[in-house]
Amino acid sequence: MSRAHDDTWDLASSVGATATMVAAGRAMATRDPRGLIDDPYAEPLVRAVGVEFFTKMMDGELELSALETMSPARMQAMVDGMALRTKYFDDYLVEATGAGVRQVVILASGLDSRAYRLPWPAGTVVYEIDQPQVIDFKTTTLAGIGAQPTATRRTIPIDLRADWPTALKAAGLDTTAPVAWLAEGLLIYLPPEAQDRLFDNITALSVPGSAVATEFVPGIIDFDADRVREMVRPFREHGVDIDMAALVYAGERNHVVDYLTAKGWDVEGVPRTELFKRQGLDVPQAEDDDPLGEIIFISGTLAG
């Protein structure tokens, strides 16, 4: 089903299912003996969603030989890529709060558990924005296993297509103090004009010293829908409601680095290939790589 301006989802369908898929990847990366990340809450959250394909994927019970498009090499590339993505944004938030920022906003937070697992400095407030049912599910599930946030956690149950800046300010955001913004795994699900509007709003709510991190996927411009559908075919064959080719907004859009720079941000982009090399990991072969191609991870601060 194609996207619509007012579509909704839970964590087992549409865009929501991608959040569960990402959390399953974090759970698998957490088990990896190389120890790039540690997300102890990813696995219980995925199990609580209850999509059999993802629980089997975490438990290594999928018969990969029967999944033509999900070879062991491709699965490892996916897990390694998720570990690197998570570590990049973990490190960004730790660095930003280490430099004195005490307000963090996680946009489209999904099953992100950073409010519960990162070593936040005293006085840090973490704001999480997502659809109400997603916020409620995560809050209830983590409370049920006795998890406690390691910062002050404030949730804003609102769709990003609504007036989230007003809701965020009503929840206590201090627009006179720096903010660390995180927009992870979000932009490809936004139309080009909505991507620009997101960064316009972030800039309007920020003061010098604020930080931002996100990623840009150049491959979205010449998106190969047929290849993507083929790669995720095993998911749909096993009852998972994910049609990535229908979920993303392909085509021309502003490069995030250029757009943020024009707004006064001092940002830099790091290609995902470079992150693989920095950690001594094998760069995925083309046939095992993300169908969206190279991903550019972006972070920086608002200039004074």
C-alpha atoms as a PDB file:
ATOM      1  CA  MET A   1       0.000   0.000   0.000  1.00  0.00           C
ATOM      2  CA  SER A   2       1.371   3.430  -0.943  1.00  0.00           C
ATOM      3  CA  ARG A   3       1.811   6.187   1.577  1.00  0.00           C
ATOM      4  CA  ALA A   4      -0.892   8.776   2.216  1.00  0.00           C
ATOM      5  CA  HIS A   5      -0.758  12.101   4.021  1.00  0.00           C
ATOM      6  CA  ASP A   6      -2.827  10.747   6.907  1.00  0.00           C
ATOM      7  CA  ASP A   7      -1.741   7.094   7.054  1.00  0.00           C
ATOM      8  CA  THR A   8      -1.216   5.446  10.445  1.00  0.00           C
ATOM      9  CA  TRP A   9       0.534   2.318  11.651  1.00  0.00           C
ATOM     10  CA  ASP A  10       1.417   0.127  14.585  1.00  0.00           C
ATOM     11  CA  LEU A  11       4.728  -1.630  15.236  1.00  0.00           C
ATOM     12  CA  ALA A  12       3.763  -4.649  13.142  1.00  0.00           C
ATOM     13  CA  SER A  13       2.766  -2.799   9.977  1.00  0.00           C
ATOM     14  CA  SER A  14       3.896  -0.188   7.476  1.00  0.00           C
ATOM     15  CA  VAL A  15       6.502   2.300   8.744  1.00  0.00           C
ATOM     16  CA  GLY A  16       6.063   0.918  12.252  1.00  0.00           C
ATOM     17  CA  ALA A  17       7.281  -2.513  11.179  1.00  0.00           C
ATOM     18  CA  THR A  18      10.521  -0.946   9.989  1.00  0.00           C
ATOM     19  CA  ALA A  19      11.107   0.275  13.561  1.00  0.00           C
ATOM     20  CA  THR A  20      10.698  -3.300  14.774  1.00  0.00           C
ATOM     21  CA  MET A  21      13.048  -4.555  12.063  1.00  0.00           C
ATOM     22  CA  VAL A  22      15.652  -1.999  13.128  1.00  0.00           C
ATOM     23  CA  ALA A  23      15.273  -3.018  16.780  1.00  0.00           C
ATOM     24  CA  ALA A  24      15.766  -6.666  15.788  1.00  0.00           C
ATOM     25  CA  GLY A  25      18.986  -5.628  14.090  1.00  0.00           C
ATOM     26  CA  ARG A  26      20.118  -3.861  17.269  1.00  0.00           C
ATOM     27  CA  ALA A  27      19.312  -6.958  19.307  1.00  0.00           C
ATOM     28  CA  MET A  28      21.429  -9.099  17.011  1.00  0.00           C
ATOM     29  CA  ALA A  29      24.254  -6.564  17.056  1.00  0.00           C
ATOM     30  CA  THR A  30      24.138  -6.518  20.863  1.00  0.00           C
ATOM     31  CA  ARG A  31      24.772 -10.270  20.907  1.00  0.00           C
ATOM     32  CA  ASP A  32      27.759  -9.894  18.579  1.00  0.00           C
ATOM     33  CA  PRO A  33      30.980 -10.650  20.526  1.00  0.00           C
ATOM     34  CA  ARG A  34      32.684  -7.618  18.973  1.00  0.00           C
ATOM     35  CA  GLY A  35      30.550  -5.480  21.292  1.00  0.00           C
ATOM     36  CA  LEU A  36      30.030  -2.408  19.139  1.00  0.00           C
ATOM     37  CA  ILE A  37      26.751  -1.592  20.894  1.00  0.00           C
ATOM     38  CA  ASP A  38      24.813  -2.682  23.955  1.00  0.00           C
ATOM     39  CA  ASP A  39      21.046  -2.342  23.709  1.00  0.00           C
ATOM     40  CA  PRO A  40      19.549  -4.747  26.277  1.00  0.00           C
ATOM     41  CA  TYR A  41      16.030  -3.486  25.603  1.00  0.00           C
ATOM     42  CA  ALA A  42      15.878  -4.144  21.862  1.00  0.00           C
ATOM     43  CA  GLU A  43      15.200  -7.860  22.223  1.00  0.00           C
ATOM     44  CA  PRO A  44      12.355  -7.669  24.769  1.00  0.00           C
ATOM     45  CA  LEU A  45      10.710  -4.900  22.752  1.00  0.00           C
ATOM     46  CA  VAL A  46      10.813  -6.961  19.555  1.00  0.00           C
ATOM     47  CA  ARG A  47       9.454 -10.010  21.362  1.00  0.00           C
ATOM     48  CA  ALA A  48       6.627  -7.910  22.763  1.00  0.00           C
ATOM     49  CA  VAL A  49       5.643  -6.752  19.264  1.00  0.00           C
ATOM     50  CA  GLY A  50       5.255 -10.427  18.469  1.00  0.00           C
ATOM     51  CA  VAL A  51       6.100 -10.614  14.762  1.00  0.00           C
ATOM     52  CA  GLU A  52       7.329 -14.180  14.332  1.00  0.00           C
ATOM     53  CA  PHE A  53       9.706 -13.377  11.473  1.00  0.00           C
ATOM     54  CA  PHE A  54      11.649 -10.876  13.581  1.00  0.00           C
ATOM     55  CA  THR A  55      11.828 -13.105  16.657  1.00  0.00           C
ATOM     56  CA  LYS A  56      13.098 -15.975  14.523  1.00  0.00           C
ATOM     57  CA  MET A  57      15.599 -13.630  12.911  1.00  0.00           C
ATOM     58  CA  MET A  58      16.930 -12.627  16.341  1.00  0.00           C
ATOM     59  CA  ASP A  59      17.080 -16.237  17.485  1.00  0.00           C
ATOM     60  CA  GLY A  60      18.895 -17.450  14.377  1.00  0.00           C
ATOM     61  CA  GLU A  61      15.993 -19.735  13.498  1.00  0.00           C
ATOM     62  CA  LEU A  62      15.410 -18.516   9.972  1.00  0.00           C
ATOM     63  CA  GLU A  63      16.306 -21.002   7.258  1.00  0.00           C
ATOM     64  CA  LEU A  64      18.420 -18.584   5.281  1.00  0.00           C
ATOM     65  CA  SER A  65      19.115 -21.191   2.619  1.00  0.00           C
ATOM     66  CA  ALA A  66      15.424 -21.065   1.774  1.00  0.00           C
ATOM     67  CA  LEU A  67      15.382 -17.265   1.533  1.00  0.00           C
ATOM     68  CA  GLU A  68      16.895 -16.453  -1.832  1.00  0.00           C
ATOM     69  CA  THR A  69      17.431 -12.791  -1.045  1.00  0.00           C
ATOM     70  CA  MET A  70      18.608 -13.203   2.586  1.00  0.00           C
ATOM     71  CA  SER A  71      21.978 -14.949   2.509  1.00  0.00           C
ATOM     72  CA  PRO A  72      24.164 -15.230   5.641  1.00  0.00           C
ATOM     73  CA  ALA A  73      26.458 -12.571   4.161  1.00  0.00           C
ATOM     74  CA  ARG A  74      23.562 -10.193   3.610  1.00  0.00           C
ATOM     75  CA  MET A  75      22.249 -10.829   7.127  1.00  0.00           C
ATOM     76  CA  GLN A  76      25.688 -10.093   8.597  1.00  0.00           C
ATOM     77  CA  ALA A  77      25.961  -6.927   6.514  1.00  0.00           C
ATOM     78  CA  MET A  78      22.594  -5.812   7.864  1.00  0.00           C
ATOM     79  CA  VAL A  79      23.596  -6.477  11.476  1.00  0.00           C
ATOM     80  CA  ASP A  80      26.972  -4.772  11.052  1.00  0.00           C
ATOM     81  CA  GLY A  81      25.342  -1.784   9.384  1.00  0.00           C
ATOM     82  CA  MET A  82      22.836  -1.455  12.215  1.00  0.00           C
ATOM     83  CA  ALA A  83      25.591  -1.684  14.821  1.00  0.00           C
ATOM     84  CA  LEU A  84      27.565   1.086  13.109  1.00  0.00           C
ATOM     85  CA  ARG A  85      24.535   3.308  12.680  1.00  0.00           C
ATOM     86  CA  THR A  86      23.556   2.876  16.330  1.00  0.00           C
ATOM     87  CA  LYS A  87      27.086   3.484  17.565  1.00  0.00           C
ATOM     88  CA  TYR A  88      27.446   6.620  15.462  1.00  0.00           C
ATOM     89  CA  PHE A  89      24.352   8.199  16.968  1.00  0.00           C
ATOM     90  CA  ASP A  90      25.110   6.906  20.479  1.00  0.00           C
ATOM     91  CA  ASP A  91      28.535   8.528  20.308  1.00  0.00           C
ATOM     92  CA  TYR A  92      27.028  11.751  18.981  1.00  0.00           C
ATOM     93  CA  LEU A  93      24.600  12.034  21.908  1.00  0.00           C
ATOM     94  CA  VAL A  94      27.225  11.161  24.495  1.00  0.00           C
ATOM     95  CA  GLU A  95      29.527  13.801  23.008  1.00  0.00           C
ATOM     96  CA  ALA A  96      26.801  16.456  22.837  1.00  0.00           C
ATOM     97  CA  THR A  97      25.710  15.974  26.443  1.00  0.00           C
ATOM     98  CA  GLY A  98      29.338  15.675  27.502  1.00  0.00           C
ATOM     99  CA  ALA A  99      29.816  19.172  26.065  1.00  0.00           C
ATOM    100  CA  GLY A 100      27.027  20.518  28.253  1.00  0.00           C
ATOM    101  CA  VAL A 101      23.789  20.075  26.294  1.00  0.00           C
ATOM    102  CA  ARG A 102      21.039  18.910  28.652  1.00  0.00           C
ATOM    103  CA  GLN A 103      18.060  18.674  26.274  1.00  0.00           C
ATOM    104  CA  VAL A 104      17.780  15.836  23.776  1.00  0.00           C
ATOM    105  CA  VAL A 105      14.981  15.408  21.240  1.00  0.00           C
ATOM    106  CA  ILE A 106      14.553  12.059  19.472  1.00  0.00           C
ATOM    107  CA  LEU A 107      12.264  12.474  16.473  1.00  0.00           C
ATOM    108  CA  ALA A 108      10.188   9.457  15.386  1.00  0.00           C
ATOM    109  CA  SER A 109      11.648   7.588  18.350  1.00  0.00           C
ATOM    110  CA  GLY A 110      10.034   4.228  17.572  1.00  0.00           C
ATOM    111  CA  LEU A 111      11.657   1.485  19.686  1.00  0.00           C
ATOM    112  CA  ASP A 112      14.707   3.633  20.473  1.00  0.00           C
ATOM    113  CA  SER A 113      15.750   2.898  24.081  1.00  0.00           C
ATOM    114  CA  ARG A 114      18.487   5.487  24.489  1.00  0.00           C
ATOM    115  CA  ALA A 115      16.550   7.261  27.253  1.00  0.00           C
ATOM    116  CA  TYR A 116      16.951   4.020  29.226  1.00  0.00           C
ATOM    117  CA  ARG A 117      20.442   2.865  28.315  1.00  0.00           C
ATOM    118  CA  LEU A 118      22.834   5.762  27.694  1.00  0.00           C
ATOM    119  CA  PRO A 119      24.893   7.262  30.549  1.00  0.00           C
ATOM    120  CA  TRP A 120      23.174  10.654  30.616  1.00  0.00           C
ATOM    121  CA  PRO A 121      24.675  13.435  32.754  1.00  0.00           C
ATOM    122  CA  ALA A 122      22.586  14.585  35.695  1.00  0.00           C
ATOM    123  CA  GLY A 123      19.856  16.994  34.657  1.00  0.00           C
ATOM    124  CA  THR A 124      19.439  15.662  31.120  1.00  0.00           C
ATOM    125  CA  VAL A 125      15.904  15.656  29.711  1.00  0.00           C
ATOM    126  CA  VAL A 126      15.163  13.335  26.785  1.00  0.00           C
ATOM    127  CA  TYR A 127      12.078  14.136  24.701  1.00  0.00           C
ATOM    128  CA  GLU A 128      10.666  11.369  22.516  1.00  0.00           C
ATOM    129  CA  ILE A 129       8.252  12.163  19.677  1.00  0.00           C
ATOM    130  CA  ASP A 130       6.219   9.512  17.885  1.00  0.00           C
ATOM    131  CA  GLN A 131       2.684   8.380  17.196  1.00  0.00           C
ATOM    132  CA  PRO A 132       0.659   7.803  20.385  1.00  0.00           C
ATOM    133  CA  GLN A 133       0.309   4.030  20.023  1.00  0.00           C
ATOM    134  CA  VAL A 134       4.059   3.640  19.480  1.00  0.00           C
ATOM    135  CA  ILE A 135       4.901   5.743  22.542  1.00  0.00           C
ATOM    136  CA  ASP A 136       2.370   3.867  24.683  1.00  0.00           C
ATOM    137  CA  PHE A 137       3.608   0.447  23.590  1.00  0.00           C
ATOM    138  CA  LYS A 138       7.248   1.148  24.376  1.00  0.00           C
ATOM    139  CA  THR A 139       6.526   2.864  27.690  1.00  0.00           C
ATOM    140  CA  THR A 140       4.272   0.041  28.874  1.00  0.00           C
ATOM    141  CA  THR A 141       6.567  -2.747  27.682  1.00  0.00           C
ATOM    142  CA  LEU A 142       9.696  -1.342  29.300  1.00  0.00           C
ATOM    143  CA  ALA A 143       7.865  -0.583  32.532  1.00  0.00           C
ATOM    144  CA  GLY A 144       6.668  -4.186  32.518  1.00  0.00           C
ATOM    145  CA  ILE A 145      10.241  -5.504  32.625  1.00  0.00           C
ATOM    146  CA  GLY A 146      11.281  -3.024  35.304  1.00  0.00           C
ATOM    147  CA  ALA A 147      13.302  -0.722  33.049  1.00  0.00           C
ATOM    148  CA  GLN A 148      13.870   2.809  34.305  1.00  0.00           C
ATOM    149  CA  PRO A 149      15.038   5.793  32.245  1.00  0.00           C
ATOM    150  CA  THR A 150      18.546   7.034  32.988  1.00  0.00           C
ATOM    151  CA  ALA A 151      17.445  10.615  32.259  1.00  0.00           C
ATOM    152  CA  THR A 152      14.230  12.546  32.704  1.00  0.00           C
ATOM    153  CA  ARG A 153      12.085  11.152  29.888  1.00  0.00           C
ATOM    154  CA  ARG A 154       9.235  13.187  28.436  1.00  0.00           C
ATOM    155  CA  THR A 155       7.091  11.757  25.686  1.00  0.00           C
ATOM    156  CA  ILE A 156       5.230  13.737  23.045  1.00  0.00           C
ATOM    157  CA  PRO A 157       2.615  11.440  21.462  1.00  0.00           C
ATOM    158  CA  ILE A 158       2.095  13.236  18.176  1.00  0.00           C
ATOM    159  CA  ASP A 159       2.573  12.563  14.486  1.00  0.00           C
ATOM    160  CA  LEU A 160       5.421  14.572  12.963  1.00  0.00           C
ATOM    161  CA  ARG A 161       2.981  15.755  10.305  1.00  0.00           C
ATOM    162  CA  ALA A 162       1.117  17.647  13.046  1.00  0.00           C
ATOM    163  CA  ASP A 163       2.300  20.705  15.004  1.00  0.00           C
ATOM    164  CA  TRP A 164       4.974  18.910  16.986  1.00  0.00           C
ATOM    165  CA  PRO A 165       7.037  22.066  17.747  1.00  0.00           C
ATOM    166  CA  THR A 166       4.157  23.502  19.778  1.00  0.00           C
ATOM    167  CA  ALA A 167       3.641  20.167  21.544  1.00  0.00           C
ATOM    168  CA  LEU A 168       7.352  19.925  22.290  1.00  0.00           C
ATOM    169  CA  LYS A 169       7.456  23.390  23.821  1.00  0.00           C
ATOM    170  CA  ALA A 170       4.360  22.571  25.850  1.00  0.00           C
ATOM    171  CA  ALA A 171       6.175  19.511  27.196  1.00  0.00           C
ATOM    172  CA  GLY A 172       8.913  21.760  28.549  1.00  0.00           C
ATOM    173  CA  LEU A 173      11.532  22.311  25.867  1.00  0.00           C
ATOM    174  CA  ASP A 174      13.567  25.397  26.757  1.00  0.00           C
ATOM    175  CA  THR A 175      14.124  27.220  23.474  1.00  0.00           C
ATOM    176  CA  THR A 176      16.702  29.502  25.108  1.00  0.00           C
ATOM    177  CA  ALA A 177      19.053  26.573  25.855  1.00  0.00           C
ATOM    178  CA  PRO A 178      20.925  24.255  23.466  1.00  0.00           C
ATOM    179  CA  VAL A 179      19.258  21.088  22.207  1.00  0.00           C
ATOM    180  CA  ALA A 180      20.715  17.882  20.751  1.00  0.00           C
ATOM    181  CA  TRP A 181      18.432  16.687  17.953  1.00  0.00           C
ATOM    182  CA  LEU A 182      18.345  13.167  16.545  1.00  0.00           C
ATOM    183  CA  ALA A 183      16.516  12.264  13.323  1.00  0.00           C
ATOM    184  CA  GLU A 184      17.624   8.667  12.764  1.00  0.00           C
ATOM    185  CA  GLY A 185      16.178   6.486  10.021  1.00  0.00           C
ATOM    186  CA  LEU A 186      13.507   9.066   9.321  1.00  0.00           C
ATOM    187  CA  LEU A 187      14.152  11.135   6.226  1.00  0.00           C
ATOM    188  CA  ILE A 188      13.386   8.555   3.537  1.00  0.00           C
ATOM    189  CA  TYR A 189       9.848   8.296   4.927  1.00  0.00           C
ATOM    190  CA  LEU A 190       9.293  12.038   4.461  1.00  0.00           C
ATOM    191  CA  PRO A 191       8.402  13.803   1.217  1.00  0.00           C
ATOM    192  CA  PRO A 192      11.153  16.216   0.105  1.00  0.00           C
ATOM    193  CA  GLU A 193       9.267  19.302   1.278  1.00  0.00           C
ATOM    194  CA  ALA A 194       8.614  17.677   4.674  1.00  0.00           C
ATOM    195  CA  GLN A 195      12.328  16.971   5.055  1.00  0.00           C
ATOM    196  CA  ASP A 196      13.057  20.661   4.536  1.00  0.00           C
ATOM    197  CA  ARG A 197      10.271  21.665   6.915  1.00  0.00           C
ATOM    198  CA  LEU A 198      11.675  19.334   9.586  1.00  0.00           C
ATOM    199  CA  PHE A 199      15.036  21.074   9.488  1.00  0.00           C
ATOM    200  CA  ASP A 200      13.395  24.499   9.330  1.00  0.00           C
ATOM    201  CA  ASN A 201      11.556  23.663  12.560  1.00  0.00           C
ATOM    202  CA  ILE A 202      14.666  22.249  14.206  1.00  0.00           C
ATOM    203  CA  THR A 203      16.595  25.404  13.353  1.00  0.00           C
ATOM    204  CA  ALA A 204      13.805  27.666  14.620  1.00  0.00           C
ATOM    205  CA  LEU A 205      13.821  25.845  17.969  1.00  0.00           C
ATOM    206  CA  SER A 206      17.605  25.916  18.369  1.00  0.00           C
ATOM    207  CA  VAL A 207      20.145  28.352  19.754  1.00  0.00           C
ATOM    208  CA  PRO A 208      23.878  28.407  19.033  1.00  0.00           C
ATOM    209  CA  GLY A 209      25.576  25.405  20.601  1.00  0.00           C
ATOM    210  CA  SER A 210      22.719  23.098  19.696  1.00  0.00           C
ATOM    211  CA  ALA A 211      23.593  19.865  17.904  1.00  0.00           C
ATOM    212  CA  VAL A 212      21.936  17.822  15.177  1.00  0.00           C
ATOM    213  CA  ALA A 213      22.477  14.345  13.766  1.00  0.00           C
ATOM    214  CA  THR A 214      20.757  12.494  10.970  1.00  0.00           C
ATOM    215  CA  GLU A 215      21.627  10.669   7.763  1.00  0.00           C
ATOM    216  CA  PHE A 216      21.193  11.275   4.068  1.00  0.00           C
ATOM    217  CA  VAL A 217      20.571   8.563   1.494  1.00  0.00           C
ATOM    218  CA  PRO A 218      21.654   9.796  -1.948  1.00  0.00           C
ATOM    219  CA  GLY A 219      20.252   6.610  -3.492  1.00  0.00           C
ATOM    220  CA  ILE A 220      16.726   7.800  -2.748  1.00  0.00           C
ATOM    221  CA  ILE A 221      17.025  10.057  -5.787  1.00  0.00           C
ATOM    222  CA  ASP A 222      17.313   7.147  -8.260  1.00  0.00           C
ATOM    223  CA  PHE A 223      15.575   4.587  -6.066  1.00  0.00           C
ATOM    224  CA  ASP A 224      15.401   1.071  -7.581  1.00  0.00           C
ATOM    225  CA  ALA A 225      11.962  -0.037  -6.433  1.00  0.00           C
ATOM    226  CA  ASP A 226      12.159  -3.437  -8.141  1.00  0.00           C
ATOM    227  CA  ARG A 227      15.416  -4.352  -6.412  1.00  0.00           C
ATOM    228  CA  VAL A 228      14.068  -3.263  -3.053  1.00  0.00           C
ATOM    229  CA  ARG A 229      10.897  -5.324  -3.470  1.00  0.00           C
ATOM    230  CA  GLU A 230      12.987  -8.356  -4.358  1.00  0.00           C
ATOM    231  CA  MET A 231      15.272  -7.942  -1.355  1.00  0.00           C
ATOM    232  CA  VAL A 232      12.395  -7.654   1.127  1.00  0.00           C
ATOM    233  CA  ARG A 233      10.309 -10.379  -0.504  1.00  0.00           C
ATOM    234  CA  PRO A 234      11.133 -12.867   2.308  1.00  0.00           C
ATOM    235  CA  PHE A 235       9.618 -10.489   4.835  1.00  0.00           C
ATOM    236  CA  ARG A 236       6.326 -10.293   2.984  1.00  0.00           C
ATOM    237  CA  GLU A 237       6.298 -14.041   2.299  1.00  0.00           C
ATOM    238  CA  HIS A 238       6.498 -14.562   6.057  1.00  0.00           C
ATOM    239  CA  GLY A 239       3.626 -12.229   6.816  1.00  0.00           C
ATOM    240  CA  VAL A 240       5.511  -9.034   7.604  1.00  0.00           C
ATOM    241  CA  ASP A 241       3.721  -5.936   6.352  1.00  0.00           C
ATOM    242  CA  ILE A 242       6.738  -4.163   4.857  1.00  0.00           C
ATOM    243  CA  ASP A 243       6.831  -2.917   1.274  1.00  0.00           C
ATOM    244  CA  MET A 244       9.791  -0.577   1.394  1.00  0.00           C
ATOM    245  CA  ALA A 245       9.267   0.441  -2.213  1.00  0.00           C
ATOM    246  CA  ALA A 246       5.864   1.843  -1.262  1.00  0.00           C
ATOM    247  CA  LEU A 247       6.891   3.318   2.098  1.00  0.00           C
ATOM    248  CA  VAL A 248       9.683   5.638   1.016  1.00  0.00           C
ATOM    249  CA  TYR A 249       9.440   8.886  -0.904  1.00  0.00           C
ATOM    250  CA  ALA A 250      11.836   8.620  -3.818  1.00  0.00           C
ATOM    251  CA  GLY A 251      13.119  11.309  -6.133  1.00  0.00           C
ATOM    252  CA  GLU A 252      15.018  14.563  -5.950  1.00  0.00           C
ATOM    253  CA  ARG A 253      15.438  16.291  -2.611  1.00  0.00           C
ATOM    254  CA  ASN A 254      17.893  18.684  -1.000  1.00  0.00           C
ATOM    255  CA  HIS A 255      21.164  17.262   0.246  1.00  0.00           C
ATOM    256  CA  VAL A 256      21.009  17.479   4.030  1.00  0.00           C
ATOM    257  CA  VAL A 257      24.555  18.797   4.447  1.00  0.00           C
ATOM    258  CA  ASP A 258      23.933  21.629   1.999  1.00  0.00           C
ATOM    259  CA  TYR A 259      20.533  22.477   3.464  1.00  0.00           C
ATOM    260  CA  LEU A 260      21.708  22.555   7.063  1.00  0.00           C
ATOM    261  CA  THR A 261      24.827  24.518   6.161  1.00  0.00           C
ATOM    262  CA  ALA A 262      22.652  27.173   4.519  1.00  0.00           C
ATOM    263  CA  LYS A 263      20.651  27.332   7.771  1.00  0.00           C
ATOM    264  CA  GLY A 264      23.769  28.119   9.800  1.00  0.00           C
ATOM    265  CA  TRP A 265      24.738  24.634  10.977  1.00  0.00           C
ATOM    266  CA  ASP A 266      28.353  23.483  10.877  1.00  0.00           C
ATOM    267  CA  VAL A 267      27.930  19.840   9.875  1.00  0.00           C
ATOM    268  CA  GLU A 268      29.967  17.101   8.279  1.00  0.00           C
ATOM    269  CA  GLY A 269      29.019  13.859   6.599  1.00  0.00           C
ATOM    270  CA  VAL A 270      30.723  10.497   7.036  1.00  0.00           C
ATOM    271  CA  PRO A 271      30.004   7.769   4.462  1.00  0.00           C
ATOM    272  CA  ARG A 272      28.910   4.464   5.947  1.00  0.00           C
ATOM    273  CA  THR A 273      31.806   2.739   4.162  1.00  0.00           C
ATOM    274  CA  GLU A 274      34.167   4.853   6.257  1.00  0.00           C
ATOM    275  CA  LEU A 275      32.455   3.692   9.462  1.00  0.00           C
ATOM    276  CA  PHE A 276      32.998   0.071   8.416  1.00  0.00           C
ATOM    277  CA  LYS A 277      36.686   0.784   7.820  1.00  0.00           C
ATOM    278  CA  ARG A 278      37.129   2.631  11.130  1.00  0.00           C
ATOM    279  CA  GLN A 279      35.866  -0.414  13.030  1.00  0.00           C
ATOM    280  CA  GLY A 280      37.859  -2.885  10.954  1.00  0.00           C
ATOM    281  CA  LEU A 281      34.734  -4.496   9.517  1.00  0.00           C
ATOM    282  CA  ASP A 282      34.452  -5.911   6.035  1.00  0.00           C
ATOM    283  CA  VAL A 283      32.674  -3.521   3.697  1.00  0.00           C
ATOM    284  CA  PRO A 284      29.637  -5.353   2.261  1.00  0.00           C
ATOM    285  CA  GLN A 285      29.839  -6.549  -1.317  1.00  0.00           C
ATOM    286  CA  ALA A 286      27.485  -4.817  -3.717  1.00  0.00           C
ATOM    287  CA  GLU A 287      25.111  -7.778  -3.853  1.00  0.00           C
ATOM    288  CA  ASP A 288      24.835  -7.813  -0.044  1.00  0.00           C
ATOM    289  CA  ASP A 289      24.678  -4.072   0.492  1.00  0.00           C
ATOM    290  CA  ASP A 290      21.766  -1.818   1.285  1.00  0.00           C
ATOM    291  CA  PRO A 291      19.646  -1.331  -1.834  1.00  0.00           C
ATOM    292  CA  LEU A 292      19.612   2.395  -1.147  1.00  0.00           C
ATOM    293  CA  GLY A 293      23.372   2.464  -1.633  1.00  0.00           C
ATOM    294  CA  GLU A 294      25.871   4.499   0.378  1.00  0.00           C
ATOM    295  CA  ILE A 295      24.463   6.282   3.408  1.00  0.00           C
ATOM    296  CA  ILE A 296      25.967   9.530   4.663  1.00  0.00           C
ATOM    297  CA  PHE A 297      25.863   9.993   8.442  1.00  0.00           C
ATOM    298  CA  ILE A 298      25.675  13.635   9.411  1.00  0.00           C
ATOM    299  CA  SER A 299      26.279  15.540  12.636  1.00  0.00           C
ATOM    300  CA  GLY A 300      27.280  19.003  13.726  1.00  0.00           C
ATOM    301  CA  THR A 301      26.388  22.112  15.700  1.00  0.00           C
ATOM    302  CA  LEU A 302      24.619  25.419  15.179  1.00  0.00           C
ATOM    303  CA  ALA A 303      27.143  28.212  14.777  1.00  0.00           C
ATOM    304  CA  GLY A 304      27.047  31.259  17.014  1.00  0.00           C
END
